[in-house]
Amino acid sequence: MTLLEDLNRCLAPLGIPIETGVFSEAPPEEYLVITPLADSFGLCGDNAPLYDVQEARLSLFVKGSYTKRKNAIIRALLGADFYITDRRYIGHEDDTGFHHYAIDVAKSYSWEE
């Protein structure tokens, strides 16, 4: 399993369109973009990695109030055992009318050689 697969499965019930990297079509009134951030070995033993920690940023774009969607996303993530490492309002994009809110997440996976 990968972080991207887990995120898509976790967030699909919310009904928000999701893409990885960039939203490729004309954007709807709200959407999510997942950007992979980092992969690291969080714990090692006997000179070998035990866990693969994968991190990504969820960028929520919403025209209008983003608060309910942000809270629903956070509840879904916490319920699916994601670590939320950062949350922040990025700003309002005056040229598009979207509010941009970012949620950084991480999840550990057993390392399989």
PDB file of N, CA and C in Angstrom:
ATOM      1  N   MET A   1       0.837  -1.180   0.000  1.00  0.00           N
ATOM      2  CA  MET A   1       0.000   0.000   0.000  1.00  0.00           C
ATOM      3  C   MET A   1       0.885   1.247   0.000  1.00  0.00           C
ATOM      4  N   THR A   2       0.405   2.304  -0.624  1.00  0.00           N
ATOM      5  CA  THR A   2       1.152   3.558  -0.646  1.00  0.00           C
ATOM      6  C   THR A   2       0.305   4.674  -0.052  1.00  0.00           C
ATOM      7  N   LEU A   3       0.956   5.746   0.301  1.00  0.00           N
ATOM      8  CA  LEU A   3       0.275   6.894   0.866  1.00  0.00           C
ATOM      9  C   LEU A   3      -0.782   7.436  -0.094  1.00  0.00           C
ATOM     10  N   LEU A   4      -0.454   7.553  -1.369  1.00  0.00           N
ATOM     11  CA  LEU A   4      -1.408   8.080  -2.345  1.00  0.00           C
ATOM     12  C   LEU A   4      -2.649   7.203  -2.450  1.00  0.00           C
ATOM     13  N   GLU A   5      -2.455   5.896  -2.446  1.00  0.00           N
ATOM     14  CA  GLU A   5      -3.602   4.977  -2.478  1.00  0.00           C
ATOM     15  C   GLU A   5      -4.454   5.131  -1.228  1.00  0.00           C
ATOM     16  N   ASP A   6      -3.804   5.194  -0.075  1.00  0.00           N
ATOM     17  CA  ASP A   6      -4.534   5.346   1.182  1.00  0.00           C
ATOM     18  C   ASP A   6      -5.292   6.666   1.240  1.00  0.00           C
ATOM     19  N   LEU A   7      -4.662   7.740   0.799  1.00  0.00           N
ATOM     20  CA  LEU A   7      -5.336   9.042   0.811  1.00  0.00           C
ATOM     21  C   LEU A   7      -6.551   9.040  -0.104  1.00  0.00           C
ATOM     22  N   ASN A   8      -6.402   8.513  -1.301  1.00  0.00           N
ATOM     23  CA  ASN A   8      -7.538   8.476  -2.228  1.00  0.00           C
ATOM     24  C   ASN A   8      -8.684   7.641  -1.665  1.00  0.00           C
ATOM     25  N   ARG A   9      -8.370   6.505  -1.062  1.00  0.00           N
ATOM     26  CA  ARG A   9      -9.404   5.652  -0.491  1.00  0.00           C
ATOM     27  C   ARG A   9     -10.084   6.341   0.698  1.00  0.00           C
ATOM     28  N   CYS A  10      -9.305   6.996   1.543  1.00  0.00           N
ATOM     29  CA  CYS A  10      -9.825   7.663   2.726  1.00  0.00           C
ATOM     30  C   CYS A  10     -10.730   8.842   2.373  1.00  0.00           C
ATOM     31  N   LEU A  11     -10.339   9.609   1.360  1.00  0.00           N
ATOM     32  CA  LEU A  11     -11.042  10.855   1.052  1.00  0.00           C
ATOM     33  C   LEU A  11     -12.138  10.715   0.000  1.00  0.00           C
ATOM     34  N   ALA A  12     -12.171   9.607  -0.726  1.00  0.00           N
ATOM     35  CA  ALA A  12     -13.180   9.411  -1.771  1.00  0.00           C
ATOM     36  C   ALA A  12     -14.616   9.567  -1.267  1.00  0.00           C
ATOM     37  N   PRO A  13     -14.959   9.048  -0.069  1.00  0.00           N
ATOM     38  CA  PRO A  13     -16.338   9.199   0.401  1.00  0.00           C
ATOM     39  C   PRO A  13     -16.788  10.650   0.593  1.00  0.00           C
ATOM     40  N   LEU A  14     -15.845  11.586   0.678  1.00  0.00           N
ATOM     41  CA  LEU A  14     -16.210  12.991   0.852  1.00  0.00           C
ATOM     42  C   LEU A  14     -16.749  13.616  -0.438  1.00  0.00           C
ATOM     43  N   GLY A  15     -16.506  12.966  -1.565  1.00  0.00           N
ATOM     44  CA  GLY A  15     -17.037  13.449  -2.835  1.00  0.00           C
ATOM     45  C   GLY A  15     -16.329  14.662  -3.414  1.00  0.00           C
ATOM     46  N   ILE A  16     -15.128  14.934  -2.959  1.00  0.00           N
ATOM     47  CA  ILE A  16     -14.344  16.052  -3.480  1.00  0.00           C
ATOM     48  C   ILE A  16     -13.447  15.514  -4.600  1.00  0.00           C
ATOM     49  N   PRO A  17     -13.458  16.121  -5.780  1.00  0.00           N
ATOM     50  CA  PRO A  17     -12.541  15.677  -6.832  1.00  0.00           C
ATOM     51  C   PRO A  17     -11.089  15.776  -6.356  1.00  0.00           C
ATOM     52  N   ILE A  18     -10.297  14.717  -6.631  1.00  0.00           N
ATOM     53  CA  ILE A  18      -8.909  14.634  -6.168  1.00  0.00           C
ATOM     54  C   ILE A  18      -8.000  14.330  -7.351  1.00  0.00           C
ATOM     55  N   GLU A  19      -6.884  15.042  -7.427  1.00  0.00           N
ATOM     56  CA  GLU A  19      -5.837  14.741  -8.410  1.00  0.00           C
ATOM     57  C   GLU A  19      -4.495  14.801  -7.701  1.00  0.00           C
ATOM     58  N   THR A  20      -3.493  14.207  -8.318  1.00  0.00           N
ATOM     59  CA  THR A  20      -2.137  14.225  -7.779  1.00  0.00           C
ATOM     60  C   THR A  20      -1.285  15.188  -8.597  1.00  0.00           C
ATOM     61  N   GLY A  21      -0.587  16.085  -7.914  1.00  0.00           N
ATOM     62  CA  GLY A  21       0.332  17.013  -8.569  1.00  0.00           C
ATOM     63  C   GLY A  21      -0.319  18.298  -9.031  1.00  0.00           C
ATOM     64  N   VAL A  22      -1.304  18.197  -9.913  1.00  0.00           N
ATOM     65  CA  VAL A  22      -1.978  19.382 -10.453  1.00  0.00           C
ATOM     66  C   VAL A  22      -3.366  18.955 -10.907  1.00  0.00           C
ATOM     67  N   PHE A  23      -4.332  19.858 -10.812  1.00  0.00           N
ATOM     68  CA  PHE A  23      -5.666  19.540 -11.298  1.00  0.00           C
ATOM     69  C   PHE A  23      -5.667  19.770 -12.797  1.00  0.00           C
ATOM     70  N   SER A  24      -5.905  18.713 -13.576  1.00  0.00           N
ATOM     71  CA  SER A  24      -5.676  18.752 -15.020  1.00  0.00           C
ATOM     72  C   SER A  24      -6.843  19.279 -15.838  1.00  0.00           C
ATOM     73  N   GLU A  25      -8.037  19.339 -15.271  1.00  0.00           N
ATOM     74  CA  GLU A  25      -9.192  19.820 -16.017  1.00  0.00           C
ATOM     75  C   GLU A  25      -9.594  21.203 -15.513  1.00  0.00           C
ATOM     76  N   ALA A  26     -10.669  21.738 -16.077  1.00  0.00           N
ATOM     77  CA  ALA A  26     -11.213  22.984 -15.545  1.00  0.00           C
ATOM     78  C   ALA A  26     -11.656  22.715 -14.113  1.00  0.00           C
ATOM     79  N   PRO A  27     -11.184  23.501 -13.165  1.00  0.00           N
ATOM     80  CA  PRO A  27     -11.471  23.185 -11.763  1.00  0.00           C
ATOM     81  C   PRO A  27     -12.937  23.421 -11.399  1.00  0.00           C
ATOM     82  N   PRO A  28     -13.502  22.491 -10.597  1.00  0.00           N
ATOM     83  CA  PRO A  28     -14.846  22.694 -10.071  1.00  0.00           C
ATOM     84  C   PRO A  28     -14.803  23.702  -8.913  1.00  0.00           C
ATOM     85  N   GLU A  29     -15.908  23.901  -8.242  1.00  0.00           N
ATOM     86  CA  GLU A  29     -15.996  24.870  -7.143  1.00  0.00           C
ATOM     87  C   GLU A  29     -15.132  24.486  -5.940  1.00  0.00           C
ATOM     88  N   GLU A  30     -14.820  23.201  -5.818  1.00  0.00           N
ATOM     89  CA  GLU A  30     -13.917  22.737  -4.772  1.00  0.00           C
ATOM     90  C   GLU A  30     -13.191  21.496  -5.270  1.00  0.00           C
ATOM     91  N   TYR A  31     -11.921  21.368  -4.872  1.00  0.00           N
ATOM     92  CA  TYR A  31     -11.142  20.200  -5.265  1.00  0.00           C
ATOM     93  C   TYR A  31      -9.906  20.080  -4.388  1.00  0.00           C
ATOM     94  N   LEU A  32      -9.295  18.905  -4.429  1.00  0.00           N
ATOM     95  CA  LEU A  32      -8.075  18.613  -3.675  1.00  0.00           C
ATOM     96  C   LEU A  32      -6.952  18.240  -4.628  1.00  0.00           C
ATOM     97  N   VAL A  33      -5.754  18.699  -4.322  1.00  0.00           N
ATOM     98  CA  VAL A  33      -4.556  18.277  -5.043  1.00  0.00           C
ATOM     99  C   VAL A  33      -3.605  17.673  -4.020  1.00  0.00           C
ATOM    100  N   ILE A  34      -3.146  16.449  -4.289  1.00  0.00           N
ATOM    101  CA  ILE A  34      -2.190  15.771  -3.422  1.00  0.00           C
ATOM    102  C   ILE A  34      -0.801  15.923  -4.031  1.00  0.00           C
ATOM    103  N   THR A  35       0.126  16.432  -3.228  1.00  0.00           N
ATOM    104  CA  THR A  35       1.507  16.585  -3.672  1.00  0.00           C
ATOM    105  C   THR A  35       2.410  15.754  -2.762  1.00  0.00           C
ATOM    106  N   PRO A  36       3.051  14.708  -3.284  1.00  0.00           N
ATOM    107  CA  PRO A  36       3.998  13.946  -2.460  1.00  0.00           C
ATOM    108  C   PRO A  36       5.126  14.860  -1.987  1.00  0.00           C
ATOM    109  N   LEU A  37       5.521  14.716  -0.718  1.00  0.00           N
ATOM    110  CA  LEU A  37       6.566  15.574  -0.157  1.00  0.00           C
ATOM    111  C   LEU A  37       7.861  14.830   0.134  1.00  0.00           C
ATOM    112  N   ALA A  38       7.760  13.681   0.814  1.00  0.00           N
ATOM    113  CA  ALA A  38       8.989  12.999   1.236  1.00  0.00           C
ATOM    114  C   ALA A  38       8.712  11.545   1.567  1.00  0.00           C
ATOM    115  N   ASP A  39       9.755  10.745   1.459  1.00  0.00           N
ATOM    116  CA  ASP A  39       9.775   9.365   1.927  1.00  0.00           C
ATOM    117  C   ASP A  39      11.031   9.235   2.784  1.00  0.00           C
ATOM    118  N   SER A  40      10.888   8.624   3.949  1.00  0.00           N
ATOM    119  CA  SER A  40      12.064   8.447   4.803  1.00  0.00           C
ATOM    120  C   SER A  40      11.930   7.147   5.579  1.00  0.00           C
ATOM    121  N   PHE A  41      13.052   6.700   6.105  1.00  0.00           N
ATOM    122  CA  PHE A  41      13.044   5.534   6.967  1.00  0.00           C
ATOM    123  C   PHE A  41      13.016   6.038   8.404  1.00  0.00           C
ATOM    124  N   GLY A  42      11.859   5.932   9.037  1.00  0.00           N
ATOM    125  CA  GLY A  42      11.673   6.507  10.360  1.00  0.00           C
ATOM    126  C   GLY A  42      12.308   5.722  11.480  1.00  0.00           C
ATOM    127  N   LEU A  43      12.494   4.429  11.294  1.00  0.00           N
ATOM    128  CA  LEU A  43      13.030   3.592  12.364  1.00  0.00           C
ATOM    129  C   LEU A  43      13.872   2.497  11.729  1.00  0.00           C
ATOM    130  N   CYS A  44      15.057   2.291  12.280  1.00  0.00           N
ATOM    131  CA  CYS A  44      15.948   1.253  11.755  1.00  0.00           C
ATOM    132  C   CYS A  44      16.381   0.333  12.889  1.00  0.00           C
ATOM    133  N   GLY A  45      16.678  -0.907  12.537  1.00  0.00           N
ATOM    134  CA  GLY A  45      17.198  -1.870  13.494  1.00  0.00           C
ATOM    135  C   GLY A  45      18.148  -2.819  12.780  1.00  0.00           C
ATOM    136  N   ASP A  46      19.250  -3.138  13.412  1.00  0.00           N
ATOM    137  CA  ASP A  46      20.265  -3.996  12.792  1.00  0.00           C
ATOM    138  C   ASP A  46      20.693  -3.466  11.436  1.00  0.00           C
ATOM    139  N   ASN A  47      20.860  -2.152  11.357  1.00  0.00           N
ATOM    140  CA  ASN A  47      21.307  -1.474  10.137  1.00  0.00           C
ATOM    141  C   ASN A  47      20.368  -1.663   8.949  1.00  0.00           C
ATOM    142  N   ALA A  48      19.091  -1.896   9.224  1.00  0.00           N
ATOM    143  CA  ALA A  48      18.109  -2.064   8.150  1.00  0.00           C
ATOM    144  C   ALA A  48      16.851  -1.259   8.491  1.00  0.00           C
ATOM    145  N   PRO A  49      16.216  -0.694   7.484  1.00  0.00           N
ATOM    146  CA  PRO A  49      14.999   0.070   7.749  1.00  0.00           C
ATOM    147  C   PRO A  49      13.846  -0.845   8.160  1.00  0.00           C
ATOM    148  N   LEU A  50      13.051  -0.373   9.126  1.00  0.00           N
ATOM    149  CA  LEU A  50      11.885  -1.122   9.571  1.00  0.00           C
ATOM    150  C   LEU A  50      10.585  -0.499   9.067  1.00  0.00           C
ATOM    151  N   TYR A  51      10.576   0.828   8.950  1.00  0.00           N
ATOM    152  CA  TYR A  51       9.371   1.545   8.517  1.00  0.00           C
ATOM    153  C   TYR A  51       9.703   2.570   7.449  1.00  0.00           C
ATOM    154  N   ASP A  52       8.806   2.685   6.501  1.00  0.00           N
ATOM    155  CA  ASP A  52       8.880   3.696   5.453  1.00  0.00           C
ATOM    156  C   ASP A  52       7.836   4.756   5.806  1.00  0.00           C
ATOM    157  N   VAL A  53       8.278   5.971   6.101  1.00  0.00           N
ATOM    158  CA  VAL A  53       7.368   7.056   6.424  1.00  0.00           C
ATOM    159  C   VAL A  53       7.173   7.884   5.155  1.00  0.00           C
ATOM    160  N   GLN A  54       5.925   7.963   4.689  1.00  0.00           N
ATOM    161  CA  GLN A  54       5.596   8.706   3.479  1.00  0.00           C
ATOM    162  C   GLN A  54       4.798   9.949   3.858  1.00  0.00           C
ATOM    163  N   GLU A  55       5.115  11.079   3.217  1.00  0.00           N
ATOM    164  CA  GLU A  55       4.474  12.358   3.531  1.00  0.00           C
ATOM    165  C   GLU A  55       3.929  13.014   2.270  1.00  0.00           C
ATOM    166  N   ALA A  56       2.826  13.745   2.441  1.00  0.00           N
ATOM    167  CA  ALA A  56       2.224  14.456   1.312  1.00  0.00           C
ATOM    168  C   ALA A  56       1.502  15.698   1.826  1.00  0.00           C
ATOM    169  N   ARG A  57       1.262  16.625   0.921  1.00  0.00           N
ATOM    170  CA  ARG A  57       0.467  17.821   1.221  1.00  0.00           C
ATOM    171  C   ARG A  57      -0.854  17.721   0.470  1.00  0.00           C
ATOM    172  N   LEU A  58      -1.939  17.944   1.208  1.00  0.00           N
ATOM    173  CA  LEU A  58      -3.265  18.045   0.601  1.00  0.00           C
ATOM    174  C   LEU A  58      -3.578  19.527   0.469  1.00  0.00           C
ATOM    175  N   SER A  59      -3.800  19.970  -0.742  1.00  0.00           N
ATOM    176  CA  SER A  59      -4.180  21.358  -0.977  1.00  0.00           C
ATOM    177  C   SER A  59      -5.653  21.393  -1.311  1.00  0.00           C
ATOM    178  N   LEU A  60      -6.424  21.993  -0.423  1.00  0.00           N
ATOM    179  CA  LEU A  60      -7.863  22.137  -0.622  1.00  0.00           C
ATOM    180  C   LEU A  60      -8.125  23.498  -1.239  1.00  0.00           C
ATOM    181  N   PHE A  61      -8.829  23.497  -2.355  1.00  0.00           N
ATOM    182  CA  PHE A  61      -9.214  24.736  -3.027  1.00  0.00           C
ATOM    183  C   PHE A  61     -10.737  24.821  -3.016  1.00  0.00           C
ATOM    184  N   VAL A  62     -11.264  25.915  -2.466  1.00  0.00           N
ATOM    185  CA  VAL A  62     -12.709  26.082  -2.333  1.00  0.00           C
ATOM    186  C   VAL A  62     -13.082  27.526  -2.626  1.00  0.00           C
ATOM    187  N   LYS A  63     -14.129  27.698  -3.421  1.00  0.00           N
ATOM    188  CA  LYS A  63     -14.726  29.019  -3.582  1.00  0.00           C
ATOM    189  C   LYS A  63     -15.794  29.138  -2.507  1.00  0.00           C
ATOM    190  N   GLY A  64     -15.723  30.155  -1.698  1.00  0.00           N
ATOM    191  CA  GLY A  64     -16.641  30.281  -0.571  1.00  0.00           C
ATOM    192  C   GLY A  64     -15.981  29.766   0.696  1.00  0.00           C
ATOM    193  N   SER A  65     -16.796  29.423   1.691  1.00  0.00           N
ATOM    194  CA  SER A  65     -16.270  28.987   2.984  1.00  0.00           C
ATOM    195  C   SER A  65     -15.650  27.594   2.880  1.00  0.00           C
ATOM    196  N   TYR A  66     -14.446  27.449   3.393  1.00  0.00           N
ATOM    197  CA  TYR A  66     -13.720  26.177   3.342  1.00  0.00           C
ATOM    198  C   TYR A  66     -13.776  25.427   4.669  1.00  0.00           C
ATOM    199  N   THR A  67     -14.323  26.016   5.718  1.00  0.00           N
ATOM    200  CA  THR A  67     -14.230  25.468   7.070  1.00  0.00           C
ATOM    201  C   THR A  67     -14.863  24.086   7.212  1.00  0.00           C
ATOM    202  N   LYS A  68     -16.072  23.869   6.725  1.00  0.00           N
ATOM    203  CA  LYS A  68     -16.717  22.560   6.868  1.00  0.00           C
ATOM    204  C   LYS A  68     -15.943  21.477   6.136  1.00  0.00           C
ATOM    205  N   ARG A  69     -15.475  21.779   4.932  1.00  0.00           N
ATOM    206  CA  ARG A  69     -14.721  20.792   4.156  1.00  0.00           C
ATOM    207  C   ARG A  69     -13.403  20.468   4.834  1.00  0.00           C
ATOM    208  N   LYS A  70     -12.717  21.502   5.319  1.00  0.00           N
ATOM    209  CA  LYS A  70     -11.446  21.304   6.021  1.00  0.00           C
ATOM    210  C   LYS A  70     -11.652  20.377   7.214  1.00  0.00           C
ATOM    211  N   ASN A  71     -12.680  20.643   8.011  1.00  0.00           N
ATOM    212  CA  ASN A  71     -12.943  19.823   9.190  1.00  0.00           C
ATOM    213  C   ASN A  71     -13.315  18.389   8.824  1.00  0.00           C
ATOM    214  N   ALA A  72     -14.087  18.204   7.761  1.00  0.00           N
ATOM    215  CA  ALA A  72     -14.451  16.852   7.315  1.00  0.00           C
ATOM    216  C   ALA A  72     -13.216  16.088   6.858  1.00  0.00           C
ATOM    217  N   ILE A  73     -12.316  16.742   6.151  1.00  0.00           N
ATOM    218  CA  ILE A  73     -11.075  16.108   5.699  1.00  0.00           C
ATOM    219  C   ILE A  73     -10.224  15.699   6.897  1.00  0.00           C
ATOM    220  N   ILE A  74     -10.085  16.593   7.862  1.00  0.00           N
ATOM    221  CA  ILE A  74      -9.272  16.308   9.042  1.00  0.00           C
ATOM    222  C   ILE A  74      -9.858  15.139   9.825  1.00  0.00           C
ATOM    223  N   ARG A  75     -11.172  15.107  10.014  1.00  0.00           N
ATOM    224  CA  ARG A  75     -11.800  13.987  10.723  1.00  0.00           C
ATOM    225  C   ARG A  75     -11.563  12.669   9.988  1.00  0.00           C
ATOM    226  N   ALA A  76     -11.692  12.691   8.653  1.00  0.00           N
ATOM    227  CA  ALA A  76     -11.465  11.473   7.865  1.00  0.00           C
ATOM    228  C   ALA A  76     -10.020  11.001   7.992  1.00  0.00           C
ATOM    229  N   LEU A  77      -9.077  11.920   7.934  1.00  0.00           N
ATOM    230  CA  LEU A  77      -7.658  11.565   8.040  1.00  0.00           C
ATOM    231  C   LEU A  77      -7.325  10.976   9.402  1.00  0.00           C
ATOM    232  N   LEU A  78      -7.791  11.623  10.457  1.00  0.00           N
ATOM    233  CA  LEU A  78      -7.516  11.122  11.810  1.00  0.00           C
ATOM    234  C   LEU A  78      -8.175   9.768  12.027  1.00  0.00           C
ATOM    235  N   GLY A  79      -9.359   9.567  11.464  1.00  0.00           N
ATOM    236  CA  GLY A  79     -10.053   8.294  11.588  1.00  0.00           C
ATOM    237  C   GLY A  79      -9.372   7.165  10.835  1.00  0.00           C
ATOM    238  N   ALA A  80      -8.519   7.506   9.880  1.00  0.00           N
ATOM    239  CA  ALA A  80      -7.800   6.502   9.094  1.00  0.00           C
ATOM    240  C   ALA A  80      -6.328   6.400   9.514  1.00  0.00           C
ATOM    241  N   ASP A  81      -5.999   6.899  10.703  1.00  0.00           N
ATOM    242  CA  ASP A  81      -4.658   6.770  11.293  1.00  0.00           C
ATOM    243  C   ASP A  81      -3.550   7.500  10.545  1.00  0.00           C
ATOM    244  N   PHE A  82      -3.881   8.632   9.922  1.00  0.00           N
ATOM    245  CA  PHE A  82      -2.845   9.487   9.346  1.00  0.00           C
ATOM    246  C   PHE A  82      -2.320  10.410  10.436  1.00  0.00           C
ATOM    247  N   TYR A  83      -1.047  10.779  10.351  1.00  0.00           N
ATOM    248  CA  TYR A  83      -0.485  11.824  11.200  1.00  0.00           C
ATOM    249  C   TYR A  83      -0.693  13.139  10.455  1.00  0.00           C
ATOM    250  N   ILE A  84      -1.233  14.114  11.121  1.00  0.00           N
ATOM    251  CA  ILE A  84      -1.326  15.449  10.528  1.00  0.00           C
ATOM    252  C   ILE A  84      -0.159  16.246  11.082  1.00  0.00           C
ATOM    253  N   THR A  85       0.770  16.605  10.204  1.00  0.00           N
ATOM    254  CA  THR A  85       1.995  17.264  10.636  1.00  0.00           C
ATOM    255  C   THR A  85       1.920  18.782  10.537  1.00  0.00           C
ATOM    256  N   ASP A  86       0.952  19.299   9.756  1.00  0.00           N
ATOM    257  CA  ASP A  86       0.806  20.754   9.634  1.00  0.00           C
ATOM    258  C   ASP A  86      -0.541  21.059   9.004  1.00  0.00           C
ATOM    259  N   ARG A  87      -1.131  22.172   9.395  1.00  0.00           N
ATOM    260  CA  ARG A  87      -2.359  22.689   8.790  1.00  0.00           C
ATOM    261  C   ARG A  87      -2.204  24.184   8.712  1.00  0.00           C
ATOM    262  N   ARG A  88      -2.548  24.761   7.544  1.00  0.00           N
ATOM    263  CA  ARG A  88      -2.436  26.215   7.449  1.00  0.00           C
ATOM    264  C   ARG A  88      -3.231  26.772   6.274  1.00  0.00           C
ATOM    265  N   TYR A  89      -3.730  27.961   6.486  1.00  0.00           N
ATOM    266  CA  TYR A  89      -4.394  28.703   5.424  1.00  0.00           C
ATOM    267  C   TYR A  89      -3.309  29.353   4.586  1.00  0.00           C
ATOM    268  N   ILE A  90      -3.298  29.040   3.309  1.00  0.00           N
ATOM    269  CA  ILE A  90      -2.278  29.593   2.417  1.00  0.00           C
ATOM    270  C   ILE A  90      -2.690  30.978   1.934  1.00  0.00           C
ATOM    271  N   GLY A  91      -3.974  31.134   1.599  1.00  0.00           N
ATOM    272  CA  GLY A  91      -4.443  32.454   1.185  1.00  0.00           C
ATOM    273  C   GLY A  91      -5.569  32.361   0.181  1.00  0.00           C
ATOM    274  N   HIS A  92      -6.073  33.519  -0.178  1.00  0.00           N
ATOM    275  CA  HIS A  92      -7.121  33.635  -1.189  1.00  0.00           C
ATOM    276  C   HIS A  92      -6.461  34.004  -2.510  1.00  0.00           C
ATOM    277  N   GLU A  93      -6.792  33.264  -3.547  1.00  0.00           N
ATOM    278  CA  GLU A  93      -6.251  33.550  -4.874  1.00  0.00           C
ATOM    279  C   GLU A  93      -7.226  34.493  -5.574  1.00  0.00           C
ATOM    280  N   ASP A  94      -6.887  35.759  -5.581  1.00  0.00           N
ATOM    281  CA  ASP A  94      -7.800  36.770  -6.127  1.00  0.00           C
ATOM    282  C   ASP A  94      -8.126  36.553  -7.597  1.00  0.00           C
ATOM    283  N   ASP A  95      -7.173  36.028  -8.346  1.00  0.00           N
ATOM    284  CA  ASP A  95      -7.405  35.841  -9.783  1.00  0.00           C
ATOM    285  C   ASP A  95      -8.367  34.686 -10.077  1.00  0.00           C
ATOM    286  N   THR A  96      -8.446  33.682  -9.180  1.00  0.00           N
ATOM    287  CA  THR A  96      -9.341  32.532  -9.415  1.00  0.00           C
ATOM    288  C   THR A  96     -10.545  32.506  -8.481  1.00  0.00           C
ATOM    289  N   GLY A  97     -10.451  33.208  -7.351  1.00  0.00           N
ATOM    290  CA  GLY A  97     -11.527  33.206  -6.375  1.00  0.00           C
ATOM    291  C   GLY A  97     -11.489  32.044  -5.402  1.00  0.00           C
ATOM    292  N   PHE A  98     -10.423  31.237  -5.424  1.00  0.00           N
ATOM    293  CA  PHE A  98     -10.308  30.084  -4.543  1.00  0.00           C
ATOM    294  C   PHE A  98      -9.593  30.443  -3.250  1.00  0.00           C
ATOM    295  N   HIS A  99     -10.093  29.882  -2.138  1.00  0.00           N
ATOM    296  CA  HIS A  99      -9.343  29.845  -0.886  1.00  0.00           C
ATOM    297  C   HIS A  99      -8.476  28.597  -0.967  1.00  0.00           C
ATOM    298  N   HIS A 100      -7.241  28.690  -0.482  1.00  0.00           N
ATOM    299  CA  HIS A 100      -6.300  27.577  -0.511  1.00  0.00           C
ATOM    300  C   HIS A 100      -5.928  27.248   0.926  1.00  0.00           C
ATOM    301  N   TYR A 101      -6.217  26.007   1.337  1.00  0.00           N
ATOM    302  CA  TYR A 101      -5.892  25.528   2.678  1.00  0.00           C
ATOM    303  C   TYR A 101      -5.058  24.257   2.520  1.00  0.00           C
ATOM    304  N   ALA A 102      -3.940  24.171   3.243  1.00  0.00           N
ATOM    305  CA  ALA A 102      -3.036  23.025   3.116  1.00  0.00           C
ATOM    306  C   ALA A 102      -3.027  22.184   4.384  1.00  0.00           C
ATOM    307  N   ILE A 103      -3.024  20.871   4.185  1.00  0.00           N
ATOM    308  CA  ILE A 103      -2.924  19.915   5.281  1.00  0.00           C
ATOM    309  C   ILE A 103      -1.794  18.947   4.920  1.00  0.00           C
ATOM    310  N   ASP A 104      -0.751  18.922   5.749  1.00  0.00           N
ATOM    311  CA  ASP A 104       0.359  17.996   5.524  1.00  0.00           C
ATOM    312  C   ASP A 104       0.121  16.744   6.358  1.00  0.00           C
ATOM    313  N   VAL A 105       0.319  15.588   5.737  1.00  0.00           N
ATOM    314  CA  VAL A 105       0.062  14.312   6.398  1.00  0.00           C
ATOM    315  C   VAL A 105       1.246  13.372   6.226  1.00  0.00           C
ATOM    316  N   ALA A 106       1.312  12.389   7.120  1.00  0.00           N
ATOM    317  CA  ALA A 106       2.328  11.342   7.033  1.00  0.00           C
ATOM    318  C   ALA A 106       1.702  10.042   7.504  1.00  0.00           C
ATOM    319  N   LYS A 107       2.253   8.948   7.013  1.00  0.00           N
ATOM    320  CA  LYS A 107       1.812   7.626   7.454  1.00  0.00           C
ATOM    321  C   LYS A 107       3.002   6.669   7.355  1.00  0.00           C
ATOM    322  N   SER A 108       3.095   5.762   8.340  1.00  0.00           N
ATOM    323  CA  SER A 108       4.180   4.784   8.377  1.00  0.00           C
ATOM    324  C   SER A 108       3.712   3.462   7.797  1.00  0.00           C
ATOM    325  N   TYR A 109       4.608   2.845   7.048  1.00  0.00           N
ATOM    326  CA  TYR A 109       4.345   1.541   6.444  1.00  0.00           C
ATOM    327  C   TYR A 109       5.498   0.613   6.789  1.00  0.00           C
ATOM    328  N   SER A 110       5.193  -0.631   7.071  1.00  0.00           N
ATOM    329  CA  SER A 110       6.261  -1.612   7.292  1.00  0.00           C
ATOM    330  C   SER A 110       7.098  -1.712   6.034  1.00  0.00           C
ATOM    331  N   TRP A 111       8.400  -1.712   6.221  1.00  0.00           N
ATOM    332  CA  TRP A 111       9.307  -1.789   5.076  1.00  0.00           C
ATOM    333  C   TRP A 111       9.437  -3.238   4.638  1.00  0.00           C
ATOM    334  N   GLU A 112       9.136  -3.476   3.373  1.00  0.00           N
ATOM    335  CA  GLU A 112       9.261  -4.820   2.814  1.00  0.00           C
ATOM    336  C   GLU A 112      10.387  -4.824   1.813  1.00  0.00           C
ATOM    337  N   GLU A 113      11.333  -5.689   2.019  1.00  0.00           N
ATOM    338  CA  GLU A 113      12.474  -5.745   1.091  1.00  0.00           C
ATOM    339  C   GLU A 113      12.141  -6.599  -0.112  1.00  0.00           C
TER     340      GLU A 113
END
